[in-house]
Amino acid sequence: MKVKTSITLSEELLVKIDRNLGNFKNRSNFIENATMNYLSQLSRNEKDRRDRDILDRKAAALNKEAEAVLDFQVPT
């Protein structure tokens, strides 16, 4: 469901939007798409941050395990 709203944007931003409308029907469609993409990126960034935190917490154990695996390799 679409809800009509009012926002205030700088003239400079509107000019940039108008220049880049391309296949978008109108400013509203462009702004909605840009906002959804931005929110998706924020979500991915948060997931990546959580994954990095997990890896950072487990780094010492993972490195130790990797070293143990390397010890099993036969010299060539």
Protein backbone atom coordinates (compact mmCIF):
# COMPACT_ATOMS: atom_id res chain seq x y z
CA MET A 1 0.00 0.00 0.00
CA LYS A 2 1.34 3.41 -0.95
CA VAL A 3 0.95 6.34 1.44
CA LYS A 4 1.23 9.91 0.26
CA THR A 5 3.74 11.94 2.25
CA SER A 6 5.62 15.19 1.98
CA ILE A 7 9.38 15.61 2.30
CA THR A 8 11.70 18.54 1.81
CA LEU A 9 14.74 18.07 -0.43
CA SER A 10 17.37 20.48 -1.63
CA GLU A 11 17.05 21.84 -5.14
CA GLU A 12 20.51 20.42 -5.89
CA LEU A 13 19.34 16.92 -4.99
CA LEU A 14 16.17 17.26 -7.08
CA VAL A 15 18.25 18.30 -10.09
CA LYS A 16 20.46 15.21 -9.64
CA ILE A 17 17.41 12.98 -9.30
CA ASP A 18 15.82 14.45 -12.41
CA ARG A 19 19.05 13.89 -14.36
CA ASN A 20 19.09 10.23 -13.32
CA LEU A 21 15.43 9.26 -13.61
CA GLY A 22 16.16 6.93 -16.54
CA ASN A 23 13.58 4.15 -16.52
CA PHE A 24 11.93 5.35 -13.32
CA LYS A 25 8.41 6.70 -13.79
CA ASN A 26 8.83 9.70 -11.55
CA ARG A 27 10.73 11.15 -8.59
CA SER A 28 8.65 9.16 -6.10
CA ASN A 29 9.53 5.88 -7.79
CA PHE A 30 13.20 6.87 -7.96
CA ILE A 31 13.33 7.92 -4.28
CA GLU A 32 11.47 4.80 -3.13
CA ASN A 33 13.90 2.57 -5.04
CA ALA A 34 16.95 4.47 -3.76
CA THR A 35 15.68 4.29 -0.19
CA MET A 36 14.99 0.54 -0.40
CA ASN A 37 18.48 -0.03 -1.82
CA TYR A 38 20.01 2.08 0.97
CA LEU A 39 18.09 0.19 3.66
CA SER A 40 19.16 -3.14 2.14
CA GLN A 41 22.77 -1.97 2.22
CA LEU A 42 22.44 -0.96 5.88
CA SER A 43 21.07 -4.43 6.64
CA ARG A 44 23.97 -6.11 4.78
CA ASN A 45 26.47 -3.88 6.59
CA GLU A 46 25.00 -4.88 9.95
CA LYS A 47 25.15 -8.58 9.04
CA ASP A 48 28.75 -8.18 7.90
CA ARG A 49 29.61 -6.41 11.17
CA ARG A 50 28.08 -9.25 13.20
CA ASP A 51 29.99 -11.81 11.12
CA ARG A 52 33.27 -9.90 11.67
CA ASP A 53 32.59 -9.76 15.39
CA ILE A 54 32.07 -13.54 15.46
CA LEU A 55 35.27 -14.15 13.48
CA ASP A 56 37.22 -11.77 15.71
CA ARG A 57 36.02 -13.62 18.82
CA LYS A 58 36.92 -16.99 17.31
CA ALA A 59 40.14 -15.92 15.51
CA ALA A 60 42.60 -17.41 18.00
CA ALA A 61 40.86 -20.80 18.03
CA LEU A 62 40.49 -20.83 14.24
CA ASN A 63 44.16 -19.95 13.75
CA LYS A 64 45.22 -22.66 16.18
CA GLU A 65 43.07 -25.20 14.33
CA ALA A 66 44.56 -24.13 10.98
CA GLU A 67 48.08 -24.52 12.36
CA ALA A 68 47.22 -28.01 13.61
CA VAL A 69 45.95 -28.98 10.17
CA LEU A 70 49.15 -27.67 8.56
CA ASP A 71 51.21 -29.81 10.96
CA PHE A 72 49.62 -32.92 9.40
CA GLN A 73 50.85 -32.06 5.90
CA VAL A 74 53.58 -34.24 4.54
CA PRO A 75 56.67 -32.29 3.40
CA THR A 76 57.30 -32.62 -0.32
